[in-house]
């Protein structure tokens, strides 16, 4: 592939793809694996629905990014007031630190089982690599790294193709599950549904979409942004379905709990290549989402101290490294402290991921509502239908969480 072809790819595939796929972190991989191993493919339609709702909100975020002159945090403070601004900042920072910690931990455990390196050494290595990849001369350089990492997640689709070759009838079952969903909710499925929405609507990816689009104002049209987000939507849906399919075919058990160790050992017995590809996908996912989280938190910290900057400005600032460390150090300290108490590789996915996904899910309505409200207030030629749909999408995320808390 020549330089011209690569340049065209980076022009079309950018913030939308990154923001969509960056939300597919270790939490998603764990949740979709847990869903597939516990419920087979019966909840695939929820995964597709949650992903489409998130993609719609990200399209709203892209339009907001193209039309607002100030950063999203300043706009939030002006339009929604100081209290909601504080809620946005605190919920973002807390959910980001929790999610980044699980990303680093999940990739570290996978590397330990694959290479035999102790997980805490791997955690330090991944953290150092994340900081190194984040320290570039400008955001455009980081964006290219993120795009390569996003495309690397295609390994999950390759693994799913292997499962389809082994079990061709799964194509029909997947279509039935997505197009003819189960009716009626059972109490035991409420928590998985909350987990799925929490995984799909990653809070940082929504705000990352606004700011990355603002960074590209004048370089890309709304049509290109829409195509970018659409590509991210389809890619993310296929990745999510692929992970669930692989788990349903190779790990399904309605009674046995699934740990990271059991998952990787099972995949290695089926085909050693699956183990290597799955681990590659986990590491690429961890790096992609953690770098995005670090930049998002850097924006949060800059804005909190009164520095109203965009992505490119925060990357170039002399505060950038300090901001990165302010996020990554608590992650490492928390992981090492928790690791001294238990053997992570033996813990079930549900034990590790349920708390994180619930926190993420409950926090996700805040940025969703924020971009919907900014769309209503800041865009002059707005569509009434789009405005209503955006608030409905945000409301669905909030209602799912409240209903889950009350009933669960």
Protein backbone atom coordinates (compact mmCIF):
# COMPACT_ATOMS: atom_id res chain seq x y z
CA UNK A 1 0.00 0.00 0.00
CA UNK A 2 1.43 3.35 -1.09
CA UNK A 3 1.69 6.55 0.90
CA UNK A 4 -1.28 8.04 -0.97
CA UNK A 5 -3.53 5.11 -0.10
CA UNK A 6 -2.51 5.23 3.56
CA UNK A 7 -3.16 8.99 3.65
CA UNK A 8 -6.68 8.48 2.24
CA UNK A 9 -7.40 5.83 4.88
CA UNK A 10 -6.36 8.17 7.70
CA UNK A 11 -8.46 10.98 6.15
CA UNK A 12 -11.65 8.88 6.12
CA UNK A 13 -11.09 6.71 9.20
CA UNK A 14 -10.52 9.02 12.11
CA UNK A 15 -12.27 10.34 15.22
CA UNK A 16 -15.57 8.54 14.60
CA UNK A 17 -13.96 5.14 14.18
CA UNK A 18 -11.62 5.75 17.11
CA UNK A 19 -14.35 6.97 19.45
CA UNK A 20 -16.63 4.06 18.55
CA UNK A 21 -14.01 1.33 18.78
CA UNK A 22 -12.22 2.89 21.78
CA UNK A 23 -15.38 2.10 23.72
CA UNK A 24 -14.74 -1.59 23.03
CA UNK A 25 -12.37 -2.07 25.95
CA UNK A 26 -11.62 -4.96 28.26
CA UNK A 27 -14.96 -4.37 29.98
CA UNK A 28 -16.79 -5.04 26.72
CA UNK A 29 -14.67 -8.06 25.91
CA UNK A 30 -15.35 -9.48 29.36
CA UNK A 31 -19.07 -8.66 29.30
CA UNK A 32 -19.68 -10.04 25.82
CA UNK A 33 -17.68 -13.15 26.70
CA UNK A 34 -19.69 -13.52 29.91
CA UNK A 35 -22.98 -13.00 28.02
CA UNK A 36 -22.03 -15.56 25.36
CA UNK A 37 -20.81 -18.15 27.88
CA UNK A 38 -23.85 -17.71 30.14
CA UNK A 39 -26.75 -16.86 27.81
CA UNK A 40 -25.48 -18.17 24.49
CA UNK A 41 -26.51 -15.70 21.74
CA UNK A 42 -29.94 -14.93 23.19
CA UNK A 43 -28.99 -11.36 24.19
CA UNK A 44 -27.23 -10.41 20.95
CA UNK A 45 -30.08 -8.07 20.02
CA UNK A 46 -29.45 -6.03 23.18
CA UNK A 47 -25.77 -5.73 22.23
CA UNK A 48 -26.71 -4.47 18.75
CA UNK A 49 -29.36 -2.08 20.13
CA UNK A 50 -27.02 -0.60 22.75
CA UNK A 51 -24.25 -0.16 20.17
CA UNK A 52 -26.60 1.60 17.73
CA UNK A 53 -27.90 3.95 20.44
CA UNK A 54 -24.31 4.83 21.35
CA UNK A 55 -23.41 5.42 17.68
CA UNK A 56 -26.41 7.77 17.34
CA UNK A 57 -25.29 9.74 20.40
CA UNK A 58 -21.77 9.92 18.95
CA UNK A 59 -23.20 11.33 15.73
CA UNK A 60 -24.88 14.04 17.84
CA UNK A 61 -21.53 14.58 19.58
CA UNK A 62 -19.81 15.01 16.20
CA UNK A 63 -22.36 17.65 15.14
CA UNK A 64 -21.88 19.47 18.44
CA UNK A 65 -18.10 19.36 17.92
CA UNK A 66 -18.47 20.92 14.46
CA UNK A 67 -20.67 23.80 15.66
CA UNK A 68 -19.43 24.88 19.08
CA UNK A 69 -16.53 27.31 19.35
CA UNK A 70 -15.58 26.44 22.92
CA UNK A 71 -14.68 23.10 24.48
CA UNK A 72 -17.46 20.85 25.73
CA UNK A 73 -16.71 21.48 29.41
CA UNK A 74 -16.93 25.26 29.07
CA UNK A 75 -20.16 24.91 27.07
CA UNK A 76 -21.59 22.63 29.75
CA UNK A 77 -20.80 25.14 32.49
CA UNK A 78 -22.40 27.97 30.49
CA UNK A 79 -25.54 26.08 29.47
CA UNK A 80 -26.20 23.64 32.33
CA UNK A 81 -24.56 25.43 35.25
CA UNK A 82 -21.75 24.75 37.69
CA UNK A 83 -23.37 21.85 39.55
CA UNK A 84 -24.00 19.80 36.43
CA UNK A 85 -20.51 20.68 35.20
CA UNK A 86 -19.09 19.28 38.47
CA UNK A 87 -21.21 16.13 38.05
CA UNK A 88 -19.89 15.70 34.50
CA UNK A 89 -16.24 16.18 35.51
CA UNK A 90 -16.38 13.94 38.61
CA UNK A 91 -18.35 11.13 36.92
CA UNK A 92 -16.00 11.20 33.94
CA UNK A 93 -12.81 11.14 35.98
CA UNK A 94 -13.96 8.38 38.37
CA UNK A 95 -15.37 6.10 35.66
CA UNK A 96 -12.25 6.70 33.53
CA UNK A 97 -9.85 5.69 36.32
CA UNK A 98 -11.89 2.57 37.13
CA UNK A 99 -12.13 1.58 33.45
CA UNK A 100 -8.42 2.22 32.77
CA UNK A 101 -7.48 0.10 35.80
CA UNK A 102 -9.50 -2.85 34.51
CA UNK A 103 -8.05 -2.39 31.00
CA UNK A 104 -4.49 -2.61 32.30
CA UNK A 105 -5.34 -5.51 34.60
CA UNK A 106 -7.11 -7.56 31.92
CA UNK A 107 -4.26 -7.17 29.41
CA UNK A 108 -1.70 -8.00 32.14
CA UNK A 109 -3.47 -11.24 33.09
CA UNK A 110 -3.70 -12.27 29.43
CA UNK A 111 0.03 -11.67 28.93
CA UNK A 112 0.83 -13.59 32.10
CA UNK A 113 -1.05 -16.66 30.87
CA UNK A 114 0.42 -16.37 27.37
CA UNK A 115 4.05 -15.51 28.14
CA UNK A 116 4.45 -16.64 31.75
CA UNK A 117 5.41 -13.12 32.89
CA UNK A 118 3.99 -12.13 36.28
CA UNK A 119 0.95 -9.92 35.82
CA UNK A 120 2.34 -7.01 37.86
CA UNK A 121 5.38 -6.77 35.57
CA UNK A 122 3.03 -6.79 32.58
CA UNK A 123 0.90 -4.09 34.23
CA UNK A 124 3.94 -1.83 34.61
CA UNK A 125 4.97 -2.57 31.02
CA UNK A 126 1.53 -1.78 29.59
CA UNK A 127 1.28 1.39 31.67
CA UNK A 128 4.70 2.55 30.46
CA UNK A 129 3.81 1.71 26.85
CA UNK A 130 0.54 3.62 27.17
CA UNK A 131 2.33 6.71 28.45
CA UNK A 132 4.97 6.40 25.72
CA UNK A 133 2.37 6.15 22.92
CA UNK A 134 0.46 9.09 24.42
CA UNK A 135 3.51 11.37 24.44
CA UNK A 136 3.58 12.64 20.84
CA UNK A 137 4.27 16.06 19.33
CA UNK A 138 0.59 16.62 18.47
CA UNK A 139 -2.82 14.95 18.55
CA UNK A 140 -2.71 14.01 14.85
CA UNK A 141 0.23 11.66 15.54
CA UNK A 142 -1.68 10.03 18.40
CA UNK A 143 -4.78 9.75 16.21
CA UNK A 144 -2.86 7.62 13.69
CA UNK A 145 -1.68 5.29 16.47
CA UNK A 146 -5.24 4.99 17.74
CA UNK A 147 -6.52 4.20 14.24
CA UNK A 148 -3.97 1.37 13.82
CA UNK A 149 -4.94 -0.04 17.24
CA UNK A 150 -8.64 0.20 16.34
CA UNK A 151 -8.14 -1.75 13.10
CA UNK A 152 -6.07 -4.33 15.02
CA UNK A 153 -9.22 -5.37 16.87
CA UNK A 154 -10.31 -7.06 13.66
CA UNK A 155 -8.60 -10.16 15.07
CA UNK A 156 -11.84 -10.86 16.97
CA UNK A 157 -13.69 -11.10 13.65
CA UNK A 158 -11.04 -13.54 12.38
CA UNK A 159 -11.62 -15.75 15.43
CA UNK A 160 -15.39 -15.58 14.87
CA UNK A 161 -14.93 -16.70 11.26
CA UNK A 162 -13.15 -19.80 12.64
CA UNK A 163 -16.18 -20.46 14.88
CA UNK A 164 -18.55 -20.05 11.91
CA UNK A 165 -16.47 -22.48 9.83
CA UNK A 166 -16.67 -25.01 12.68
CA UNK A 167 -20.40 -24.41 13.22
CA UNK A 168 -22.02 -23.03 10.00
CA UNK A 169 -25.52 -23.05 11.49
CA UNK A 170 -24.53 -20.20 13.81
CA UNK A 171 -25.14 -17.65 11.04
CA UNK A 172 -28.85 -18.47 10.99
CA UNK A 173 -29.04 -18.47 14.79
CA UNK A 174 -27.33 -15.07 14.98
CA UNK A 175 -29.75 -13.57 12.44
CA UNK A 176 -32.73 -14.95 14.38
CA UNK A 177 -31.34 -13.62 17.67
CA UNK A 178 -30.80 -10.12 16.26
CA UNK A 179 -33.91 -9.80 14.07
CA UNK A 180 -36.38 -11.77 16.22
CA UNK A 181 -35.40 -10.93 19.81
CA UNK A 182 -36.74 -12.72 22.84
CA UNK A 183 -39.83 -11.11 24.34
CA UNK A 184 -40.30 -10.67 28.05
CA UNK A 185 -37.64 -9.80 30.58
CA UNK A 186 -36.61 -12.04 33.41
CA UNK A 187 -35.19 -10.69 36.62
CA UNK A 188 -31.89 -12.50 36.07
CA UNK A 189 -31.36 -10.78 32.69
CA UNK A 190 -31.65 -7.25 34.07
CA UNK A 191 -28.07 -7.12 35.32
CA UNK A 192 -26.60 -8.36 32.00
CA UNK A 193 -28.65 -5.72 30.17
CA UNK A 194 -27.28 -2.96 32.44
CA UNK A 195 -23.78 -4.37 31.88
CA UNK A 196 -24.26 -4.30 28.09
CA UNK A 197 -25.44 -0.67 28.11
CA UNK A 198 -22.58 0.28 30.40
CA UNK A 199 -20.11 -1.38 28.06
CA UNK A 200 -21.56 0.15 24.89
CA UNK A 201 -21.99 3.72 26.16
CA UNK A 202 -18.46 4.37 27.39
CA UNK A 203 -18.63 7.89 28.91
CA UNK A 204 -15.17 8.98 27.74
CA UNK A 205 -15.80 7.99 24.10
CA UNK A 206 -18.76 10.38 23.83
CA UNK A 207 -16.78 13.41 25.06
CA UNK A 208 -13.74 12.23 23.08
CA UNK A 209 -15.94 12.35 19.96
CA UNK A 210 -16.88 16.00 20.57
CA UNK A 211 -13.31 17.18 21.17
CA UNK A 212 -11.69 15.12 18.40
CA UNK A 213 -14.26 16.50 15.95
CA UNK A 214 -13.55 20.06 17.16
CA UNK A 215 -9.88 19.37 16.54
CA UNK A 216 -10.69 18.52 12.91
CA UNK A 217 -12.99 21.47 12.17
CA UNK A 218 -12.15 22.79 8.70
CA UNK A 219 -10.37 19.56 7.79
CA UNK A 220 -13.39 17.23 7.51
CA UNK A 221 -17.03 17.80 6.50
CA UNK A 222 -20.04 16.53 8.43
CA UNK A 223 -20.59 13.96 5.66
CA UNK A 224 -17.08 12.57 6.17
CA UNK A 225 -17.65 12.55 9.94
CA UNK A 226 -20.92 10.66 9.43
CA UNK A 227 -19.20 8.09 7.18
CA UNK A 228 -16.45 7.76 9.79
CA UNK A 229 -18.95 7.14 12.61
CA UNK A 230 -20.97 4.74 10.43
CA UNK A 231 -17.79 2.74 9.73
CA UNK A 232 -17.09 2.71 13.46
CA UNK A 233 -20.65 1.55 14.17
CA UNK A 234 -20.56 -1.40 11.79
CA UNK A 235 -17.04 -2.38 12.84
CA UNK A 236 -17.94 -2.21 16.54
CA UNK A 237 -21.17 -4.20 16.03
CA UNK A 238 -19.27 -6.92 14.17
CA UNK A 239 -16.57 -6.99 16.85
CA UNK A 240 -19.14 -7.23 19.64
CA UNK A 241 -21.09 -9.98 17.90
CA UNK A 242 -17.85 -11.82 17.12
CA UNK A 243 -16.73 -11.89 20.76
CA UNK A 244 -20.15 -13.13 21.88
CA UNK A 245 -20.26 -15.78 19.15
CA UNK A 246 -16.84 -17.18 20.05
CA UNK A 247 -17.79 -17.40 23.73
CA UNK A 248 -21.16 -19.02 22.98
CA UNK A 249 -19.57 -21.67 20.76
CA UNK A 250 -16.54 -22.57 22.87
CA UNK A 251 -17.38 -21.54 26.45
CA UNK A 252 -21.16 -21.86 26.83
CA UNK A 253 -22.26 -23.23 30.17
CA UNK A 254 -25.41 -22.10 31.97
CA UNK A 255 -23.99 -23.04 35.37
CA UNK A 256 -20.19 -22.84 35.34
CA UNK A 257 -18.54 -19.47 36.02
CA UNK A 258 -15.97 -18.23 33.51
CA UNK A 259 -12.60 -16.85 34.58
CA UNK A 260 -9.97 -15.25 32.37
CA UNK A 261 -7.71 -18.24 32.94
CA UNK A 262 -10.36 -20.76 31.91
CA UNK A 263 -11.29 -18.71 28.84
CA UNK A 264 -7.73 -18.48 27.50
CA UNK A 265 -6.88 -22.09 28.35
CA UNK A 266 -10.03 -23.28 26.56
CA UNK A 267 -9.20 -21.20 23.49
CA UNK A 268 -5.64 -22.55 23.44
CA UNK A 269 -6.88 -26.16 23.47
CA UNK A 270 -9.14 -25.46 20.49
CA UNK A 271 -6.39 -23.80 18.47
CA UNK A 272 -3.23 -22.13 19.80
CA UNK A 273 -3.63 -19.40 17.17
CA UNK A 274 -6.93 -18.35 18.79
CA UNK A 275 -5.07 -17.77 22.06
CA UNK A 276 -2.48 -15.54 20.36
CA UNK A 277 -5.07 -13.59 18.36
CA UNK A 278 -7.38 -13.11 21.35
CA UNK A 279 -4.50 -11.89 23.51
CA UNK A 280 -3.43 -9.50 20.73
CA UNK A 281 -6.97 -8.15 20.62
CA UNK A 282 -7.08 -7.70 24.40
CA UNK A 283 -3.76 -5.82 24.45
CA UNK A 284 -4.69 -3.61 21.46
CA UNK A 285 -8.07 -2.87 23.04
CA UNK A 286 -6.43 -2.02 26.37
CA UNK A 287 -3.94 0.38 24.75
CA UNK A 288 -6.57 2.03 22.53
CA UNK A 289 -9.09 2.71 25.28
CA UNK A 290 -6.53 3.62 27.95
CA UNK A 291 -4.80 6.18 25.69
CA UNK A 292 -8.22 7.68 24.90
CA UNK A 293 -9.05 7.78 28.61
CA UNK A 294 -5.74 9.45 29.47
CA UNK A 295 -6.35 12.21 26.91
CA UNK A 296 -9.93 12.64 28.08
CA UNK A 297 -8.82 12.95 31.71
CA UNK A 298 -6.10 15.39 30.68
CA UNK A 299 -8.79 17.61 29.18
CA UNK A 300 -10.85 17.22 32.37
CA UNK A 301 -7.92 18.21 34.58
CA UNK A 302 -6.93 21.15 32.38
CA UNK A 303 -10.48 22.46 32.36
CA UNK A 304 -10.84 21.99 36.11
CA UNK A 305 -7.96 24.39 36.73
CA UNK A 306 -9.32 26.91 34.23
CA UNK A 307 -7.29 25.92 31.16
CA UNK A 308 -9.94 25.67 28.43
CA UNK A 309 -8.01 23.69 25.83
CA UNK A 310 -8.71 21.24 23.03
CA UNK A 311 -7.03 17.91 22.33
CA UNK A 312 -4.15 19.35 20.34
CA UNK A 313 -3.45 22.06 22.92
CA UNK A 314 -3.52 19.67 25.87
CA UNK A 315 -1.15 17.23 24.10
CA UNK A 316 1.31 20.06 23.41
CA UNK A 317 1.10 21.62 26.90
CA UNK A 318 3.81 21.22 29.53
CA UNK A 319 1.10 19.90 31.89
CA UNK A 320 0.33 16.89 29.70
CA UNK A 321 2.73 14.38 31.30
CA UNK A 322 1.62 15.44 34.76
CA UNK A 323 -2.01 14.93 33.76
CA UNK A 324 -1.26 11.47 32.36
CA UNK A 325 0.50 10.44 35.55
CA UNK A 326 -2.36 11.83 37.63
CA UNK A 327 -4.57 9.15 36.04
CA UNK A 328 -2.18 6.24 35.53
CA UNK A 329 -0.56 6.27 38.99
CA UNK A 330 -3.84 5.70 40.91
CA UNK A 331 -4.63 2.90 38.44
CA UNK A 332 -1.32 1.13 39.14
CA UNK A 333 -1.55 1.65 42.89
CA UNK A 334 -5.10 0.30 42.97
CA UNK A 335 -4.20 -2.73 40.85
CA UNK A 336 -1.12 -3.61 42.92
CA UNK A 337 -3.03 -3.19 46.20
CA UNK A 338 -5.93 -5.36 45.02
CA UNK A 339 -3.50 -7.88 43.52
CA UNK A 340 -1.90 -8.39 46.91
CA UNK A 341 -5.29 -9.53 48.22
CA UNK A 342 -6.38 -12.04 45.58
CA UNK A 343 -5.49 -14.07 42.48
CA UNK A 344 -7.04 -12.09 39.65
CA UNK A 345 -6.69 -14.79 37.01
CA UNK A 346 -8.95 -17.13 38.99
CA UNK A 347 -11.73 -14.59 39.51
CA UNK A 348 -14.87 -14.95 37.42
CA UNK A 349 -15.67 -12.35 34.77
CA UNK A 350 -18.86 -11.43 36.58
CA UNK A 351 -16.99 -10.69 39.83
CA UNK A 352 -14.43 -8.47 38.07
CA UNK A 353 -16.62 -6.72 35.53
CA UNK A 354 -20.06 -6.25 37.11
CA UNK A 355 -18.98 -3.42 39.49
CA UNK A 356 -17.05 -1.60 36.75
CA UNK A 357 -19.81 -1.93 34.16
CA UNK A 358 -22.48 -0.71 36.59
CA UNK A 359 -20.36 2.36 37.45
CA UNK A 360 -19.74 3.02 33.76
CA UNK A 361 -23.37 2.49 32.83
CA UNK A 362 -24.67 4.85 35.50
CA UNK A 363 -22.09 7.51 34.55
CA UNK A 364 -22.75 7.21 30.81
CA UNK A 365 -26.08 9.07 30.88
CA UNK A 366 -24.30 12.26 32.04
CA UNK A 367 -22.24 12.87 28.85
CA UNK A 368 -25.11 11.48 26.75
CA UNK A 369 -27.50 14.06 28.19
CA UNK A 370 -24.81 16.75 27.94
CA UNK A 371 -24.26 16.39 24.19
CA UNK A 372 -28.01 16.09 23.57
CA UNK A 373 -28.68 19.31 25.47
CA UNK A 374 -25.78 21.12 23.78
CA UNK A 375 -27.17 20.01 20.41
CA UNK A 376 -30.51 21.57 21.36
CA UNK A 377 -29.02 24.80 22.69
CA UNK A 378 -25.97 25.43 20.51
CA UNK A 379 -26.97 24.36 16.98
CA UNK A 380 -29.18 26.83 15.11
CA UNK A 381 -30.25 24.61 12.20
CA UNK A 382 -31.03 21.63 14.40
CA UNK A 383 -33.51 18.90 13.55
CA UNK A 384 -36.45 18.59 15.95
CA UNK A 385 -36.67 14.86 15.29
CA UNK A 386 -32.96 14.36 15.97
CA UNK A 387 -33.24 16.43 19.16
CA UNK A 388 -36.12 14.30 20.42
CA UNK A 389 -34.38 11.05 19.49
CA UNK A 390 -31.17 12.14 21.22
CA UNK A 391 -33.01 12.82 24.48
CA UNK A 392 -34.84 9.50 24.14
CA UNK A 393 -31.51 7.71 23.71
CA UNK A 394 -30.09 9.39 26.82
CA UNK A 395 -33.29 8.61 28.71
CA UNK A 396 -33.13 4.94 27.78
CA UNK A 397 -29.65 4.67 29.30
CA UNK A 398 -30.80 6.38 32.51
CA UNK A 399 -34.07 4.41 32.77
CA UNK A 400 -32.28 1.09 32.29
CA UNK A 401 -30.00 1.92 35.23
CA UNK A 402 -32.76 3.18 37.55
CA UNK A 403 -35.02 0.23 36.70
CA UNK A 404 -32.15 -2.19 37.28
CA UNK A 405 -31.37 -0.66 40.67
CA UNK A 406 -35.02 -0.73 41.79
CA UNK A 407 -35.83 -4.23 40.54
CA UNK A 408 -32.38 -5.77 41.03
